[in-house]
PDB file of N, CA and C in Angstrom:
ATOM      1  N   MET A   1     -77.186  15.343-187.515  1.00  0.00           N
ATOM      2  CA  MET A   1     -78.264  15.779-186.637  1.00  0.00           C
ATOM      3  C   MET A   1     -78.400  17.297-186.761  1.00  0.00           C
ATOM      4  N   SER A   2     -79.611  17.771-186.991  1.00  0.00           N
ATOM      5  CA  SER A   2     -79.846  19.205-187.147  1.00  0.00           C
ATOM      6  C   SER A   2     -79.830  19.895-185.781  1.00  0.00           C
ATOM      7  N   VAL A   3     -79.662  21.210-185.812  1.00  0.00           N
ATOM      8  CA  VAL A   3     -79.672  21.991-184.571  1.00  0.00           C
ATOM      9  C   VAL A   3     -80.996  21.793-183.839  1.00  0.00           C
ATOM     10  N   CYS A   4     -82.077  21.635-184.559  1.00  0.00           N
ATOM     11  CA  CYS A   4     -83.389  21.424-183.922  1.00  0.00           C
ATOM     12  C   CYS A   4     -83.423  20.108-183.143  1.00  0.00           C
ATOM     13  N   GLN A   5     -82.717  19.109-183.616  1.00  0.00           N
ATOM     14  CA  GLN A   5     -82.712  17.805-182.956  1.00  0.00           C
ATOM     15  C   GLN A   5     -81.822  17.779-181.711  1.00  0.00           C
ATOM     16  N   THR A   6     -81.103  18.872-181.480  1.00  0.00           N
ATOM     17  CA  THR A   6     -80.320  18.975-180.249  1.00  0.00           C
ATOM     18  C   THR A   6     -80.850  20.091-179.362  1.00  0.00           C
ATOM     19  N   CYS A   7     -81.991  20.651-179.695  1.00  0.00           N
ATOM     20  CA  CYS A   7     -82.526  21.801-178.968  1.00  0.00           C
ATOM     21  C   CYS A   7     -83.870  21.464-178.326  1.00  0.00           C
ATOM     22  N   GLY A   8     -84.951  21.669-179.053  1.00  0.00           N
ATOM     23  CA  GLY A   8     -86.298  21.424-178.544  1.00  0.00           C
ATOM     24  C   GLY A   8     -86.902  22.596-177.798  1.00  0.00           C
ATOM     25  N   ALA A   9     -86.217  23.735-177.786  1.00  0.00           N
ATOM     26  CA  ALA A   9     -86.703  24.898-177.028  1.00  0.00           C
ATOM     27  C   ALA A   9     -88.084  25.351-177.465  1.00  0.00           C
ATOM     28  N   CYS A  10     -88.345  25.341-178.757  1.00  0.00           N
ATOM     29  CA  CYS A  10     -89.659  25.799-179.230  1.00  0.00           C
ATOM     30  C   CYS A  10     -90.761  24.890-178.714  1.00  0.00           C
ATOM     31  N   CYS A  11     -90.493  23.612-178.600  1.00  0.00           N
ATOM     32  CA  CYS A  11     -91.488  22.640-178.135  1.00  0.00           C
ATOM     33  C   CYS A  11     -91.709  22.720-176.629  1.00  0.00           C
ATOM     34  N   ALA A  12     -90.853  23.479-175.957  1.00  0.00           N
ATOM     35  CA  ALA A  12     -90.968  23.646-174.510  1.00  0.00           C
ATOM     36  C   ALA A  12     -91.143  25.120-174.154  1.00  0.00           C
ATOM     37  N   SER A  13     -91.724  25.896-175.096  1.00  0.00           N
ATOM     38  CA  SER A  13     -91.880  27.325-174.853  1.00  0.00           C
ATOM     39  C   SER A  13     -93.224  27.904-175.289  1.00  0.00           C
ATOM     40  N   PHE A  14     -93.854  27.334-176.300  1.00  0.00           N
ATOM     41  CA  PHE A  14     -95.010  27.976-176.907  1.00  0.00           C
ATOM     42  C   PHE A  14     -96.246  27.084-176.918  1.00  0.00           C
ATOM     43  N   ARG A  15     -97.421  27.733-176.864  1.00  0.00           N
ATOM     44  CA  ARG A  15     -98.668  27.009-177.100  1.00  0.00           C
ATOM     45  C   ARG A  15     -98.750  26.663-178.569  1.00  0.00           C
ATOM     46  N   VAL A  16     -99.329  25.532-178.850  1.00  0.00           N
ATOM     47  CA  VAL A  16     -99.506  25.119-180.240  1.00  0.00           C
ATOM     48  C   VAL A  16    -100.988  24.898-180.480  1.00  0.00           C
ATOM     49  N   ASP A  17    -101.618  25.906-181.087  1.00  0.00           N
ATOM     50  CA  ASP A  17    -103.044  25.867-181.416  1.00  0.00           C
ATOM     51  C   ASP A  17    -103.212  25.727-182.921  1.00  0.00           C
ATOM     52  N   PHE A  18    -104.229  24.980-183.333  1.00  0.00           N
ATOM     53  CA  PHE A  18    -104.472  24.796-184.758  1.00  0.00           C
ATOM     54  C   PHE A  18    -105.913  24.364-184.981  1.00  0.00           C
ATOM     55  N   HIS A  19    -106.317  24.345-186.232  1.00  0.00           N
ATOM     56  CA  HIS A  19    -107.693  23.998-186.596  1.00  0.00           C
ATOM     57  C   HIS A  19    -107.899  22.482-186.503  1.00  0.00           C
ATOM     58  N   PRO A  20    -109.048  22.059-186.030  1.00  0.00           N
ATOM     59  CA  PRO A  20    -109.340  20.628-185.923  1.00  0.00           C
ATOM     60  C   PRO A  20    -109.265  19.872-187.255  1.00  0.00           C
ATOM     61  N   ALA A  21    -109.312  20.560-188.371  1.00  0.00           N
ATOM     62  CA  ALA A  21    -109.200  19.888-189.675  1.00  0.00           C
ATOM     63  C   ALA A  21    -107.837  19.231-189.856  1.00  0.00           C
ATOM     64  N   GLU A  22    -106.861  19.592-189.008  1.00  0.00           N
ATOM     65  CA  GLU A  22    -105.527  18.979-189.073  1.00  0.00           C
ATOM     66  C   GLU A  22    -105.422  17.725-188.209  1.00  0.00           C
ATOM     67  N   LEU A  23    -106.490  17.397-187.500  1.00  0.00           N
ATOM     68  CA  LEU A  23    -106.500  16.187-186.681  1.00  0.00           C
ATOM     69  C   LEU A  23    -106.605  14.946-187.566  1.00  0.00           C
ATOM     70  N   ALA A  24    -106.288  13.803-187.001  1.00  0.00           N
ATOM     71  CA  ALA A  24    -106.406  12.538-187.723  1.00  0.00           C
ATOM     72  C   ALA A  24    -107.779  12.436-188.371  1.00  0.00           C
ATOM     73  N   GLY A  25    -107.788  12.178-189.655  1.00  0.00           N
ATOM     74  CA  GLY A  25    -109.029  12.067-190.401  1.00  0.00           C
ATOM     75  C   GLY A  25    -109.585  13.386-190.878  1.00  0.00           C
ATOM     76  N   GLY A  26    -108.930  14.490-190.518  1.00  0.00           N
ATOM     77  CA  GLY A  26    -109.411  15.808-190.898  1.00  0.00           C
ATOM     78  C   GLY A  26    -109.154  16.130-192.364  1.00  0.00           C
ATOM     79  N   ALA A  27    -109.894  17.088-192.868  1.00  0.00           N
ATOM     80  CA  ALA A  27    -109.817  17.462-194.277  1.00  0.00           C
ATOM     81  C   ALA A  27    -108.463  18.041-194.679  1.00  0.00           C
ATOM     82  N   PHE A  28    -107.749  18.653-193.743  1.00  0.00           N
ATOM     83  CA  PHE A  28    -106.474  19.291-194.070  1.00  0.00           C
ATOM     84  C   PHE A  28    -105.285  18.613-193.412  1.00  0.00           C
ATOM     85  N   ALA A  29    -105.473  17.388-192.982  1.00  0.00           N
ATOM     86  CA  ALA A  29    -104.411  16.660-192.297  1.00  0.00           C
ATOM     87  C   ALA A  29    -103.323  16.231-193.272  1.00  0.00           C
ATOM     88  N   TRP A  30    -102.082  16.245-192.776  1.00  0.00           N
ATOM     89  CA  TRP A  30    -100.960  15.681-193.523  1.00  0.00           C
ATOM     90  C   TRP A  30    -100.881  14.235-193.117  1.00  0.00           C
ATOM     91  N   GLY A  31    -100.752  13.355-194.086  1.00  0.00           N
ATOM     92  CA  GLY A  31    -100.686  11.943-193.749  1.00  0.00           C
ATOM     93  C   GLY A  31    -101.912  11.536-192.946  1.00  0.00           C
ATOM     94  N   LEU A  32    -101.678  10.942-191.810  1.00  0.00           N
ATOM     95  CA  LEU A  32    -102.777  10.489-190.956  1.00  0.00           C
ATOM     96  C   LEU A  32    -103.353  11.613-190.101  1.00  0.00           C
ATOM     97  N   GLY A  33    -102.653  12.718-189.971  1.00  0.00           N
ATOM     98  CA  GLY A  33    -103.108  13.828-189.143  1.00  0.00           C
ATOM     99  C   GLY A  33    -102.632  13.713-187.708  1.00  0.00           C
ATOM    100  N   VAL A  34    -102.778  14.797-186.971  1.00  0.00           N
ATOM    101  CA  VAL A  34    -102.354  14.843-185.570  1.00  0.00           C
ATOM    102  C   VAL A  34    -103.272  13.929-184.749  1.00  0.00           C
ATOM    103  N   PRO A  35    -102.701  13.035-183.951  1.00  0.00           N
ATOM    104  CA  PRO A  35    -103.546  12.156-183.129  1.00  0.00           C
ATOM    105  C   PRO A  35    -104.428  12.968-182.172  1.00  0.00           C
ATOM    106  N   VAL A  36    -105.710  12.693-182.197  1.00  0.00           N
ATOM    107  CA  VAL A  36    -106.683  13.407-181.372  1.00  0.00           C
ATOM    108  C   VAL A  36    -106.310  13.324-179.896  1.00  0.00           C
ATOM    109  N   GLU A  37    -105.821  12.165-179.470  1.00  0.00           N
ATOM    110  CA  GLU A  37    -105.506  11.970-178.050  1.00  0.00           C
ATOM    111  C   GLU A  37    -104.341  12.834-177.569  1.00  0.00           C
ATOM    112  N   MET A  38    -103.636  13.477-178.473  1.00  0.00           N
ATOM    113  CA  MET A  38    -102.539  14.375-178.097  1.00  0.00           C
ATOM    114  C   MET A  38    -102.992  15.831-178.042  1.00  0.00           C
ATOM    115  N   THR A  39    -104.306  16.051-178.129  1.00  0.00           N
ATOM    116  CA  THR A  39    -104.833  17.417-178.167  1.00  0.00           C
ATOM    117  C   THR A  39    -105.943  17.614-177.148  1.00  0.00           C
ATOM    118  N   VAL A  40    -106.216  18.887-176.890  1.00  0.00           N
ATOM    119  CA  VAL A  40    -107.369  19.268-176.081  1.00  0.00           C
ATOM    120  C   VAL A  40    -108.143  20.313-176.861  1.00  0.00           C
ATOM    121  N   PRO A  41    -109.473  20.254-176.824  1.00  0.00           N
ATOM    122  CA  PRO A  41    -110.256  21.279-177.507  1.00  0.00           C
ATOM    123  C   PRO A  41    -110.163  22.601-176.759  1.00  0.00           C
ATOM    124  N   VAL A  42    -110.083  23.692-177.516  1.00  0.00           N
ATOM    125  CA  VAL A  42    -110.068  25.031-176.934  1.00  0.00           C
ATOM    126  C   VAL A  42    -111.383  25.725-177.261  1.00  0.00           C
ATOM    127  N   THR A  43    -111.749  25.712-178.534  1.00  0.00           N
ATOM    128  CA  THR A  43    -113.032  26.216-179.023  1.00  0.00           C
ATOM    129  C   THR A  43    -113.457  25.258-180.128  1.00  0.00           C
ATOM    130  N   PRO A  44    -114.630  25.429-180.703  1.00  0.00           N
ATOM    131  CA  PRO A  44    -115.003  24.555-181.821  1.00  0.00           C
ATOM    132  C   PRO A  44    -114.040  24.671-183.015  1.00  0.00           C
ATOM    133  N   ALA A  45    -113.325  25.776-183.119  1.00  0.00           N
ATOM    134  CA  ALA A  45    -112.422  25.991-184.255  1.00  0.00           C
ATOM    135  C   ALA A  45    -110.945  25.887-183.899  1.00  0.00           C
ATOM    136  N   ILE A  46    -110.624  25.534-182.638  1.00  0.00           N
ATOM    137  CA  ILE A  46    -109.218  25.474-182.221  1.00  0.00           C
ATOM    138  C   ILE A  46    -108.993  24.287-181.294  1.00  0.00           C
ATOM    139  N   VAL A  47    -107.923  23.547-181.565  1.00  0.00           N
ATOM    140  CA  VAL A  47    -107.437  22.518-180.639  1.00  0.00           C
ATOM    141  C   VAL A  47    -105.999  22.869-180.285  1.00  0.00           C
ATOM    142  N   ARG A  48    -105.511  22.309-179.195  1.00  0.00           N
ATOM    143  CA  ARG A  48    -104.158  22.620-178.707  1.00  0.00           C
ATOM    144  C   ARG A  48    -103.423  21.317-178.419  1.00  0.00           C
ATOM    145  N   LEU A  49    -102.148  21.271-178.785  1.00  0.00           N
ATOM    146  CA  LEU A  49    -101.336  20.117-178.427  1.00  0.00           C
ATOM    147  C   LEU A  49    -101.194  20.063-176.908  1.00  0.00           C
ATOM    148  N   CYS A  50    -101.427  18.913-176.337  1.00  0.00           N
ATOM    149  CA  CYS A  50    -101.317  18.735-174.894  1.00  0.00           C
ATOM    150  C   CYS A  50     -99.911  19.100-174.416  1.00  0.00           C
ATOM    151  N   GLY A  51     -99.884  19.703-173.256  1.00  0.00           N
ATOM    152  CA  GLY A  51     -98.620  20.071-172.630  1.00  0.00           C
ATOM    153  C   GLY A  51     -98.112  21.441-173.006  1.00  0.00           C
ATOM    154  N   THR A  52     -98.612  22.006-174.108  1.00  0.00           N
ATOM    155  CA  THR A  52     -98.066  23.285-174.548  1.00  0.00           C
ATOM    156  C   THR A  52     -98.593  24.469-173.759  1.00  0.00           C
ATOM    157  N   ASP A  53     -99.599  24.239-172.922  1.00  0.00           N
ATOM    158  CA  ASP A  53    -100.053  25.317-172.050  1.00  0.00           C
ATOM    159  C   ASP A  53     -99.788  24.986-170.579  1.00  0.00           C
ATOM    160  N   ALA A  54     -98.946  24.006-170.343  1.00  0.00           N
ATOM    161  CA  ALA A  54     -98.557  23.654-168.974  1.00  0.00           C
ATOM    162  C   ALA A  54     -97.536  24.676-168.463  1.00  0.00           C
ATOM    163  N   ASN A  55     -97.223  24.603-167.200  1.00  0.00           N
ATOM    164  CA  ASN A  55     -96.210  25.485-166.629  1.00  0.00           C
ATOM    165  C   ASN A  55     -95.199  24.635-165.878  1.00  0.00           C
ATOM    166  N   PRO A  56     -94.023  24.401-166.453  1.00  0.00           N
ATOM    167  CA  PRO A  56     -93.537  24.915-167.726  1.00  0.00           C
ATOM    168  C   PRO A  56     -94.120  24.116-168.892  1.00  0.00           C
ATOM    169  N   PRO A  57     -94.199  24.769-170.057  1.00  0.00           N
ATOM    170  CA  PRO A  57     -94.746  24.067-171.224  1.00  0.00           C
ATOM    171  C   PRO A  57     -93.792  23.001-171.760  1.00  0.00           C
ATOM    172  N   ARG A  58     -94.372  21.949-172.281  1.00  0.00           N
ATOM    173  CA  ARG A  58     -93.608  20.935-173.014  1.00  0.00           C
ATOM    174  C   ARG A  58     -94.605  20.119-173.814  1.00  0.00           C
ATOM    175  N   CYS A  59     -94.448  20.145-175.114  1.00  0.00           N
ATOM    176  CA  CYS A  59     -95.352  19.425-175.996  1.00  0.00           C
ATOM    177  C   CYS A  59     -95.309  17.931-175.700  1.00  0.00           C
ATOM    178  N   VAL A  60     -96.466  17.325-175.672  1.00  0.00           N
ATOM    179  CA  VAL A  60     -96.590  15.895-175.417  1.00  0.00           C
ATOM    180  C   VAL A  60     -95.883  15.069-176.492  1.00  0.00           C
ATOM    181  N   ALA A  61     -95.720  15.633-177.679  1.00  0.00           N
ATOM    182  CA  ALA A  61     -95.089  14.898-178.775  1.00  0.00           C
ATOM    183  C   ALA A  61     -93.557  14.964-178.748  1.00  0.00           C
ATOM    184  N   LEU A  62     -92.997  15.761-177.841  1.00  0.00           N
ATOM    185  CA  LEU A  62     -91.543  15.902-177.771  1.00  0.00           C
ATOM    186  C   LEU A  62     -90.937  14.796-176.928  1.00  0.00           C
ATOM    187  N   ALA A  63     -89.976  14.090-177.503  1.00  0.00           N
ATOM    188  CA  ALA A  63     -89.255  13.036-176.782  1.00  0.00           C
ATOM    189  C   ALA A  63     -87.793  13.437-176.661  1.00  0.00           C
ATOM    190  N   GLY A  64     -87.171  13.050-175.580  1.00  0.00           N
ATOM    191  CA  GLY A  64     -85.750  13.291-175.403  1.00  0.00           C
ATOM    192  C   GLY A  64     -85.441  14.375-174.388  1.00  0.00           C
ATOM    193  N   GLU A  65     -84.155  14.726-174.320  1.00  0.00           N
ATOM    194  CA  GLU A  65     -83.667  15.710-173.360  1.00  0.00           C
ATOM    195  C   GLU A  65     -83.380  17.035-174.055  1.00  0.00           C
ATOM    196  N   LEU A  66     -84.042  18.093-173.580  1.00  0.00           N
ATOM    197  CA  LEU A  66     -83.839  19.422-174.150  1.00  0.00           C
ATOM    198  C   LEU A  66     -82.358  19.795-174.135  1.00  0.00           C
ATOM    199  N   GLY A  67     -81.903  20.362-175.253  1.00  0.00           N
ATOM    200  CA  GLY A  67     -80.529  20.810-175.359  1.00  0.00           C
ATOM    201  C   GLY A  67     -79.522  19.700-175.617  1.00  0.00           C
ATOM    202  N   VAL A  68     -79.991  18.467-175.667  1.00  0.00           N
ATOM    203  CA  VAL A  68     -79.089  17.321-175.885  1.00  0.00           C
ATOM    204  C   VAL A  68     -79.497  16.566-177.148  1.00  0.00           C
ATOM    205  N   ALA A  69     -80.628  15.914-177.079  1.00  0.00           N
ATOM    206  CA  ALA A  69     -81.152  15.153-178.223  1.00  0.00           C
ATOM    207  C   ALA A  69     -82.661  15.031-178.060  1.00  0.00           C
ATOM    208  N   VAL A  70     -83.396  15.576-179.020  1.00  0.00           N
ATOM    209  CA  VAL A  70     -84.855  15.545-178.978  1.00  0.00           C
ATOM    210  C   VAL A  70     -85.401  15.139-180.338  1.00  0.00           C
ATOM    211  N   GLN A  71     -86.651  14.716-180.326  1.00  0.00           N
ATOM    212  CA  GLN A  71     -87.338  14.428-181.578  1.00  0.00           C
ATOM    213  C   GLN A  71     -88.834  14.586-181.380  1.00  0.00           C
ATOM    214  N   CYS A  72     -89.494  14.956-182.448  1.00  0.00           N
ATOM    215  CA  CYS A  72     -90.941  15.041-182.452  1.00  0.00           C
ATOM    216  C   CYS A  72     -91.476  13.661-182.817  1.00  0.00           C
ATOM    217  N   THR A  73     -92.305  13.116-181.946  1.00  0.00           N
ATOM    218  CA  THR A  73     -92.823  11.770-182.198  1.00  0.00           C
ATOM    219  C   THR A  73     -93.920  11.745-183.246  1.00  0.00           C
ATOM    220  N   ILE A  74     -94.392  12.937-183.666  1.00  0.00           N
ATOM    221  CA  ILE A  74     -95.418  13.019-184.715  1.00  0.00           C
ATOM    222  C   ILE A  74     -94.935  13.913-185.858  1.00  0.00           C
ATOM    223  N   TYR A  75     -93.642  13.952-186.083  1.00  0.00           N
ATOM    224  CA  TYR A  75     -93.046  14.886-187.036  1.00  0.00           C
ATOM    225  C   TYR A  75     -93.738  14.873-188.407  1.00  0.00           C
ATOM    226  N   ASP A  76     -94.006  13.717-188.952  1.00  0.00           N
ATOM    227  CA  ASP A  76     -94.610  13.634-190.297  1.00  0.00           C
ATOM    228  C   ASP A  76     -96.040  14.155-190.350  1.00  0.00           C
ATOM    229  N   VAL A  77     -96.711  14.213-189.206  1.00  0.00           N
ATOM    230  CA  VAL A  77     -98.096  14.680-189.176  1.00  0.00           C
ATOM    231  C   VAL A  77     -98.268  15.908-188.281  1.00  0.00           C
ATOM    232  N   ARG A  78     -97.158  16.561-187.918  1.00  0.00           N
ATOM    233  CA  ARG A  78     -97.224  17.726-187.023  1.00  0.00           C
ATOM    234  C   ARG A  78     -98.119  18.807-187.610  1.00  0.00           C
ATOM    235  N   PRO A  79     -98.730  19.635-186.744  1.00  0.00           N
ATOM    236  CA  PRO A  79     -99.662  20.658-187.228  1.00  0.00           C
ATOM    237  C   PRO A  79     -98.947  21.842-187.871  1.00  0.00           C
ATOM    238  N   SER A  80     -99.724  22.678-188.534  1.00  0.00           N
ATOM    239  CA  SER A  80     -99.179  23.813-189.294  1.00  0.00           C
ATOM    240  C   SER A  80     -98.310  24.766-188.476  1.00  0.00           C
ATOM    241  N   PRO A  81     -98.626  25.101-187.210  1.00  0.00           N
ATOM    242  CA  PRO A  81     -97.727  26.005-186.492  1.00  0.00           C
ATOM    243  C   PRO A  81     -96.308  25.433-186.361  1.00  0.00           C
ATOM    244  N   CYS A  82     -96.222  24.129-186.199  1.00  0.00           N
ATOM    245  CA  CYS A  82     -94.904  23.485-186.088  1.00  0.00           C
ATOM    246  C   CYS A  82     -94.207  23.440-187.446  1.00  0.00           C
ATOM    247  N   ARG A  83     -94.963  23.221-188.500  1.00  0.00           N
ATOM    248  CA  ARG A  83     -94.393  23.198-189.850  1.00  0.00           C
ATOM    249  C   ARG A  83     -93.862  24.565-190.252  1.00  0.00           C
ATOM    250  N   GLU A  84     -94.502  25.626-189.776  1.00  0.00           N
ATOM    251  CA  GLU A  84     -94.119  26.983-190.166  1.00  0.00           C
ATOM    252  C   GLU A  84     -92.984  27.545-189.325  1.00  0.00           C
ATOM    253  N   PHE A  85     -92.723  26.974-188.168  1.00  0.00           N
ATOM    254  CA  PHE A  85     -91.683  27.473-187.266  1.00  0.00           C
ATOM    255  C   PHE A  85     -90.325  26.957-187.715  1.00  0.00           C
ATOM    256  N   ASP A  86     -89.333  27.831-187.721  1.00  0.00           N
ATOM    257  CA  ASP A  86     -87.970  27.384-188.012  1.00  0.00           C
ATOM    258  C   ASP A  86     -86.965  28.303-187.332  1.00  0.00           C
ATOM    259  N   THR A  87     -85.702  28.024-187.511  1.00  0.00           N
ATOM    260  CA  THR A  87     -84.653  28.779-186.837  1.00  0.00           C
ATOM    261  C   THR A  87     -84.532  30.211-187.337  1.00  0.00           C
ATOM    262  N   GLU A  88     -85.217  30.560-188.412  1.00  0.00           N
ATOM    263  CA  GLU A  88     -85.219  31.931-188.920  1.00  0.00           C
ATOM    264  C   GLU A  88     -86.135  32.844-188.116  1.00  0.00           C
ATOM    265  N   HIS A  89     -87.063  32.282-187.380  1.00  0.00           N
ATOM    266  CA  HIS A  89     -87.983  33.078-186.562  1.00  0.00           C
ATOM    267  C   HIS A  89     -87.242  33.652-185.356  1.00  0.00           C
ATOM    268  N   ALA A  90     -87.497  34.903-185.040  1.00  0.00           N
ATOM    269  CA  ALA A  90     -86.927  35.512-183.831  1.00  0.00           C
ATOM    270  C   ALA A  90     -87.372  34.730-182.599  1.00  0.00           C
ATOM    271  N   ALA A  91     -88.547  34.132-182.670  1.00  0.00           N
ATOM    272  CA  ALA A  91     -89.059  33.368-181.540  1.00  0.00           C
ATOM    273  C   ALA A  91     -88.178  32.156-181.218  1.00  0.00           C
ATOM    274  N   CYS A  92     -87.435  31.667-182.188  1.00  0.00           N
ATOM    275  CA  CYS A  92     -86.516  30.552-181.939  1.00  0.00           C
ATOM    276  C   CYS A  92     -85.477  30.976-180.900  1.00  0.00           C
ATOM    277  N   ASN A  93     -84.832  32.101-181.128  1.00  0.00           N
ATOM    278  CA  ASN A  93     -83.832  32.568-180.169  1.00  0.00           C
ATOM    279  C   ASN A  93     -84.459  32.979-178.842  1.00  0.00           C
ATOM    280  N   GLN A  94     -85.687  33.471-178.868  1.00  0.00           N
ATOM    281  CA  GLN A  94     -86.378  33.798-177.618  1.00  0.00           C
ATOM    282  C   GLN A  94     -86.586  32.534-176.788  1.00  0.00           C
ATOM    283  N   ALA A  95     -86.992  31.465-177.444  1.00  0.00           N
ATOM    284  CA  ALA A  95     -87.192  30.193-176.746  1.00  0.00           C
ATOM    285  C   ALA A  95     -85.865  29.649-176.230  1.00  0.00           C
ATOM    286  N   ARG A  96     -84.829  29.747-177.048  1.00  0.00           N
ATOM    287  CA  ARG A  96     -83.508  29.272-176.626  1.00  0.00           C
ATOM    288  C   ARG A  96     -83.024  30.061-175.409  1.00  0.00           C
ATOM    289  N   LYS A  97     -83.211  31.368-175.432  1.00  0.00           N
ATOM    290  CA  LYS A  97     -82.787  32.227-174.317  1.00  0.00           C
ATOM    291  C   LYS A  97     -83.560  31.865-173.051  1.00  0.00           C
ATOM    292  N   ARG A  98     -84.849  31.648-173.195  1.00  0.00           N
ATOM    293  CA  ARG A  98     -85.694  31.291-172.056  1.00  0.00           C
ATOM    294  C   ARG A  98     -85.180  30.053-171.329  1.00  0.00           C
ATOM    295  N   LEU A  99     -84.617  29.121-172.092  1.00  0.00           N
ATOM    296  CA  LEU A  99     -84.116  27.877-171.514  1.00  0.00           C
ATOM    297  C   LEU A  99     -82.610  27.912-171.211  1.00  0.00           C
ATOM    298  N   GLY A 100     -81.994  29.078-171.436  1.00  0.00           N
ATOM    299  CA  GLY A 100     -80.570  29.210-171.136  1.00  0.00           C
ATOM    300  C   GLY A 100     -79.645  28.665-172.214  1.00  0.00           C
ATOM    301  N   PHE A 101     -80.157  28.486-173.433  1.00  0.00           N
ATOM    302  CA  PHE A 101     -79.351  27.985-174.537  1.00  0.00           C
ATOM    303  C   PHE A 101     -78.713  29.159-175.278  1.00  0.00           C
ATOM    304  N   THR A 102     -77.595  28.931-175.892  1.00  0.00           N
ATOM    305  CA  THR A 102     -76.920  29.956-176.691  1.00  0.00           C
ATOM    306  C   THR A 102     -77.760  30.298-177.910  1.00  0.00           C
ATOM    307  N   PRO A 103     -77.940  31.592-178.198  1.00  0.00           N
ATOM    308  CA  PRO A 103     -78.697  31.980-179.405  1.00  0.00           C
ATOM    309  C   PRO A 103     -78.001  31.469-180.668  1.00  0.00           C
ATOM    310  N   LEU A 104     -78.798  31.204-181.680  1.00  0.00           N
ATOM    311  CA  LEU A 104     -78.236  30.817-182.973  1.00  0.00           C
ATOM    312  C   LEU A 104     -77.746  32.067-183.700  1.00  0.00           C
ATOM    313  N   GLN A 105     -76.706  31.944-184.443  1.00  0.00           N
ATOM    314  CA  GLN A 105     -76.195  33.070-185.211  1.00  0.00           C
ATOM    315  C   GLN A 105     -77.096  33.284-186.417  1.00  0.00           C
ATOM    316  N   GLY A 106     -77.470  34.541-186.652  1.00  0.00           N
ATOM    317  CA  GLY A 106     -78.392  34.842-187.744  1.00  0.00           C
ATOM    318  C   GLY A 106     -77.742  35.302-188.917  1.00  0.00           C
TER     319      GLY A 106
END
């Protein structure tokens, strides 16, 4: 199990905005694309994963218990911001700190 599968801090810390072309059936979608029902429109050129702008935020696609065992229920079709995020980003440790988790060693 990877450190990400025992954390989930990023999925409970940040807004996830992306272009509608990554939605199911979109021109730039991976596989089937992000399910439309898991998003809300922001502008004609931006959609957001539901829950990521809630207070506190938590992506609708995140399953499990933060800091114990989590998984992305749309991992194979997740949008580009999620694909680009990893433990090398300073924002990873910021999210971990926000939730009271120990920072990862860099």
